[in-house]
Amino acid sequence: MRQSCLDAFNSYVARYDASDERIALKFEHTYEVAGLCDEIARGEGLPPADVDLAWLCGLLHDIGRFEQLRQWGTFSDADSCCHAALGIQVLKDEMASFTNDPEWAHIIERAVALHSDFRLPSDLGARERLFCTITRDADKVDILRVFNQSSCEAVLGIDPSEFSRGEISDVAFEAFGERRCLARDERPGSLDGLVGAVCLAFELELPASRKALGDRGYLQALLREPFGLSPHFESELTQYRWDAICDVMGEM
């Protein structure tokens, strides 16, 4: 089953510009999230068929990103469209290449549609919620990998020379204090994207997800040396806030 799904996914992605580094990065992210979904599902004791379904949710969770980049030249939903909704549109034509099981198709659609929402809706069934949660947790863990392996210019849009002059906003620090993820409109400061990445760890729901993050060391590496840079800031307030964040997260 998995090989045929990989073949179908690779065939779909082959339609896009392989020379674009952003395509390669999204391709890598997709495979990492699929692997994490497998690991988390196994860690939670799911039966083999459900482990396969979780893996497939991860494989397809960002399928809308490729068309988003082709049409708009960006991965920014704010500057283009909701990539999750676009993924559902793509799957209307592509789902049969991955599964003909209507229950699987429904679960995959829910996981794709909701993987980047700030909160899951309250009316999900238990099985829908489980696979959505696995997908969302896996995505969060790998976003922390991406932050570890990227430059601050690529992720935050600031030059490394500007990093030490960065700011953590009141609203982002308050959200951190509430031990939750940041909404998209809670990131006015130049370093708020970094705070937002750190906050992803608060909302990993499953024990196997938290173990996966701990085993990889992404969070501690990001706290110790964000983007390979020294976390020493010119602003006393920024330094205080970053040190406070490190103190809290160091206890996790």
Protein backbone atom coordinates (compact mmCIF):
# COMPACT_ATOMS: atom_id res chain seq x y z
CA MET A 1 0.00 0.00 0.00
CA ARG A 2 2.65 2.51 0.99
CA GLN A 3 4.77 2.07 -2.12
CA SER A 4 1.80 2.69 -4.41
CA CYS A 5 0.94 5.82 -2.41
CA LEU A 6 4.53 7.03 -2.61
CA ASP A 7 4.52 6.43 -6.36
CA ALA A 8 1.27 8.40 -6.71
CA PHE A 9 2.59 11.25 -4.57
CA ASN A 10 5.89 11.43 -6.43
CA SER A 11 4.02 11.41 -9.73
CA TYR A 12 1.88 14.31 -8.55
CA VAL A 13 4.84 16.37 -7.33
CA ALA A 14 6.72 15.70 -10.59
CA ARG A 15 4.33 18.15 -12.27
CA TYR A 16 6.00 20.99 -10.41
CA ASP A 17 9.38 22.68 -10.80
CA ALA A 18 11.88 20.36 -9.12
CA SER A 19 14.62 22.99 -9.48
CA ASP A 20 12.78 25.28 -7.05
CA GLU A 21 14.38 24.82 -3.63
CA ARG A 22 11.03 25.53 -1.99
CA ILE A 23 9.53 22.48 -3.69
CA ALA A 24 12.40 20.34 -2.43
CA LEU A 25 11.98 21.67 1.12
CA LYS A 26 8.23 20.97 1.09
CA PHE A 27 8.89 17.52 -0.31
CA GLU A 28 11.29 16.83 2.58
CA HIS A 29 8.79 18.20 5.12
CA THR A 30 6.09 15.92 3.71
CA TYR A 31 8.21 12.81 4.10
CA GLU A 32 9.29 13.81 7.61
CA VAL A 33 5.70 14.39 8.73
CA ALA A 34 4.58 11.08 7.25
CA GLY A 35 7.35 9.31 9.17
CA LEU A 36 6.42 11.10 12.36
CA CYS A 37 2.76 10.16 11.93
CA ASP A 38 3.85 6.54 11.64
CA GLU A 39 6.03 6.83 14.75
CA ILE A 40 3.37 8.59 16.81
CA ALA A 41 0.63 6.15 15.77
CA ARG A 42 2.83 3.20 16.71
CA GLY A 43 3.74 4.87 19.99
CA GLU A 44 0.07 5.29 20.79
CA GLY A 45 -0.53 1.58 20.18
CA LEU A 46 -2.68 1.84 17.07
CA PRO A 47 -3.26 -1.32 15.00
CA PRO A 48 -1.25 -1.71 11.78
CA ALA A 49 -4.03 -0.54 9.44
CA ASP A 50 -4.49 2.64 11.46
CA VAL A 51 -0.73 3.22 11.49
CA ASP A 52 -0.85 3.10 7.69
CA LEU A 53 -3.76 5.55 7.65
CA ALA A 54 -1.91 7.95 9.96
CA TRP A 55 1.14 7.73 7.68
CA LEU A 56 -1.02 8.54 4.66
CA CYS A 57 -2.58 11.53 6.44
CA GLY A 58 0.94 12.83 6.96
CA LEU A 59 1.92 12.18 3.36
CA LEU A 60 -1.03 14.20 2.06
CA HIS A 61 -1.37 16.89 4.72
CA ASP A 62 0.44 19.59 2.69
CA ILE A 63 -0.49 18.47 -0.82
CA GLY A 64 -2.03 21.88 -1.46
CA ARG A 65 1.32 23.63 -0.99
CA PHE A 66 2.66 22.68 -4.41
CA GLU A 67 -0.23 24.23 -6.31
CA GLN A 68 -0.18 27.21 -3.95
CA LEU A 69 3.44 27.88 -4.88
CA ARG A 70 2.76 27.42 -8.60
CA GLN A 71 -0.16 29.85 -8.64
CA TRP A 72 1.03 32.48 -6.18
CA GLY A 73 4.77 31.98 -5.81
CA THR A 74 4.52 31.87 -2.02
CA PHE A 75 3.71 29.57 0.89
CA SER A 76 2.07 32.45 2.75
CA ASP A 77 -1.65 31.79 3.14
CA ALA A 78 -2.19 35.47 3.91
CA ASP A 79 -0.75 36.41 0.52
CA SER A 80 -2.45 33.64 -1.47
CA CYS A 81 -5.05 31.17 -0.24
CA CYS A 82 -5.64 28.68 2.54
CA HIS A 83 -3.30 25.85 1.59
CA ALA A 84 -5.35 23.31 3.54
CA ALA A 85 -8.51 24.18 1.60
CA LEU A 86 -6.52 24.04 -1.63
CA GLY A 87 -5.32 20.59 -0.60
CA ILE A 88 -8.93 19.41 -0.37
CA GLN A 89 -9.54 20.72 -3.88
CA VAL A 90 -6.50 18.81 -5.13
CA LEU A 91 -7.66 15.61 -3.44
CA LYS A 92 -11.01 15.74 -5.22
CA ASP A 93 -9.08 14.72 -8.32
CA GLU A 94 -6.24 12.77 -6.70
CA MET A 95 -7.74 10.80 -3.79
CA ALA A 96 -8.44 7.71 -5.87
CA SER A 97 -4.71 7.41 -6.52
CA PHE A 98 -4.18 6.90 -2.78
CA THR A 99 -7.25 5.05 -1.49
CA ASN A 100 -10.66 3.83 -2.59
CA ASP A 101 -11.82 3.28 0.98
CA PRO A 102 -14.51 5.90 1.74
CA GLU A 103 -13.78 5.87 5.48
CA TRP A 104 -10.08 6.44 4.87
CA ALA A 105 -10.86 9.18 2.36
CA HIS A 106 -13.06 10.95 4.89
CA ILE A 107 -10.43 10.76 7.63
CA ILE A 108 -7.72 12.02 5.26
CA GLU A 109 -9.91 14.93 4.15
CA ARG A 110 -10.52 15.94 7.77
CA ALA A 111 -6.82 15.69 8.62
CA VAL A 112 -5.79 17.75 5.58
CA ALA A 113 -8.51 20.37 6.05
CA LEU A 114 -7.78 20.92 9.74
CA HIS A 115 -4.04 20.34 10.09
CA SER A 116 -3.17 24.05 10.26
CA ASP A 117 -6.25 25.38 12.06
CA PHE A 118 -5.62 27.18 15.33
CA ARG A 119 -8.03 24.80 17.10
CA LEU A 120 -9.89 21.65 16.13
CA PRO A 121 -13.70 21.99 16.02
CA SER A 122 -15.62 20.51 18.92
CA ASP A 123 -17.92 18.37 16.79
CA LEU A 124 -15.32 15.91 15.50
CA GLY A 125 -15.88 12.24 16.17
CA ALA A 126 -13.32 10.40 18.28
CA ARG A 127 -11.71 8.71 15.29
CA GLU A 128 -11.59 11.92 13.26
CA ARG A 129 -10.04 13.75 16.19
CA LEU A 130 -7.39 11.07 16.71
CA PHE A 131 -6.03 11.22 13.17
CA CYS A 132 -6.29 15.00 13.03
CA THR A 133 -4.32 15.19 16.27
CA ILE A 134 -1.62 12.80 15.07
CA THR A 135 -1.22 14.82 11.87
CA ARG A 136 -1.15 18.16 13.67
CA ASP A 137 1.34 16.92 16.28
CA ALA A 138 3.65 15.50 13.61
CA ASP A 139 3.50 18.77 11.67
CA LYS A 140 4.42 20.76 14.79
CA VAL A 141 7.40 18.52 15.57
CA ASP A 142 8.76 18.87 12.06
CA ILE A 143 8.24 22.63 11.99
CA LEU A 144 10.72 22.74 14.88
CA ARG A 145 13.15 20.73 12.72
CA VAL A 146 12.72 23.26 9.92
CA PHE A 147 13.46 26.12 12.33
CA ASN A 148 16.62 24.32 13.43
CA GLN A 149 17.86 23.80 9.90
CA SER A 150 16.93 27.19 8.42
CA SER A 151 18.38 30.68 8.62
CA CYS A 152 16.60 33.47 10.46
CA GLU A 153 16.38 35.27 7.13
CA ALA A 154 14.48 32.36 5.56
CA VAL A 155 12.16 31.81 8.52
CA LEU A 156 11.74 35.23 10.15
CA GLY A 157 12.59 37.45 7.22
CA ILE A 158 15.37 39.26 9.06
CA ASP A 159 19.08 39.39 8.31
CA PRO A 160 21.31 37.54 10.80
CA SER A 161 22.97 40.86 11.61
CA GLU A 162 19.59 42.14 12.79
CA PHE A 163 18.85 39.16 15.03
CA SER A 164 20.43 40.64 18.16
CA ARG A 165 18.27 43.75 17.72
CA GLY A 166 15.07 41.74 17.46
CA GLU A 167 12.01 42.19 19.64
CA ILE A 168 9.53 39.88 21.33
CA SER A 169 6.15 41.61 21.45
CA ASP A 170 3.87 41.92 24.46
CA VAL A 171 1.16 39.86 22.78
CA ALA A 172 3.54 37.01 21.89
CA PHE A 173 5.04 36.90 25.37
CA GLU A 174 1.57 36.91 26.91
CA ALA A 175 0.56 33.98 24.71
CA PHE A 176 3.71 32.15 25.81
CA GLY A 177 2.74 32.84 29.42
CA GLU A 178 -0.60 31.20 28.71
CA ARG A 179 1.27 28.10 27.47
CA ARG A 180 -0.39 28.05 24.06
CA CYS A 181 0.33 28.50 20.38
CA LEU A 182 0.33 31.96 18.84
CA ALA A 183 -2.42 32.94 16.43
CA ARG A 184 -1.32 34.38 13.09
CA ASP A 185 -2.19 37.91 14.22
CA GLU A 186 -0.18 37.63 17.44
CA ARG A 187 3.25 37.99 15.84
CA PRO A 188 4.00 41.71 15.33
CA GLY A 189 7.54 41.52 16.76
CA SER A 190 10.50 40.49 14.62
CA LEU A 191 11.23 37.49 16.89
CA ASP A 192 7.63 36.46 17.45
CA GLY A 193 7.87 33.77 14.79
CA LEU A 194 10.62 32.16 16.86
CA VAL A 195 8.46 32.37 19.99
CA GLY A 196 5.60 30.86 18.01
CA ALA A 197 7.75 27.89 17.02
CA VAL A 198 8.79 27.31 20.64
CA CYS A 199 5.14 27.46 21.72
CA LEU A 200 4.27 24.57 19.42
CA ALA A 201 5.69 22.27 22.08
CA PHE A 202 2.96 23.32 24.52
CA GLU A 203 0.22 21.89 22.35
CA LEU A 204 1.57 18.49 21.45
CA GLU A 205 -1.37 16.44 22.64
CA LEU A 206 -0.11 12.87 22.53
CA PRO A 207 2.59 11.35 24.75
CA ALA A 208 4.21 9.72 21.72
CA SER A 209 4.43 13.14 20.05
CA ARG A 210 6.18 14.68 23.03
CA LYS A 211 8.57 11.73 23.10
CA ALA A 212 9.32 12.15 19.39
CA LEU A 213 10.20 15.80 19.94
CA GLY A 214 12.35 15.03 22.99
CA ASP A 215 14.19 12.24 21.21
CA ARG A 216 15.15 14.57 18.36
CA GLY A 217 16.27 17.47 20.52
CA TYR A 218 14.86 20.10 18.17
CA LEU A 219 13.43 22.30 20.90
CA GLN A 220 16.50 22.43 23.11
CA ALA A 221 18.77 23.09 20.13
CA LEU A 222 16.55 25.99 19.07
CA LEU A 223 16.62 27.47 22.56
CA ARG A 224 20.37 27.04 22.91
CA GLU A 225 21.42 28.44 19.54
CA PRO A 226 18.52 29.72 17.42
CA PHE A 227 19.43 29.64 13.72
CA GLY A 228 23.02 28.94 14.78
CA LEU A 229 23.22 32.37 16.37
CA SER A 230 24.03 33.51 19.88
CA PRO A 231 20.83 34.39 21.78
CA HIS A 232 22.18 37.63 23.20
CA PHE A 233 20.03 40.66 22.54
CA GLU A 234 20.65 44.39 22.72
CA SER A 235 17.28 45.07 24.32
CA GLU A 236 17.17 44.22 28.02
CA LEU A 237 13.46 43.47 27.69
CA THR A 238 14.02 41.07 24.81
CA GLN A 239 16.84 39.35 26.73
CA TYR A 240 14.66 39.04 29.82
CA ARG A 241 11.82 37.54 27.81
CA TRP A 242 14.04 35.11 25.93
CA ASP A 243 15.73 33.97 29.15
CA ALA A 244 12.31 33.46 30.75
CA ILE A 245 11.20 31.39 27.77
CA CYS A 246 14.33 29.25 28.01
CA ASP A 247 13.83 28.73 31.75
CA VAL A 248 10.27 27.49 31.25
CA MET A 249 11.00 25.29 28.25
CA GLY A 250 14.11 23.86 29.86
CA GLU A 251 11.86 22.25 32.44
CA MET A 252 9.76 20.44 29.82
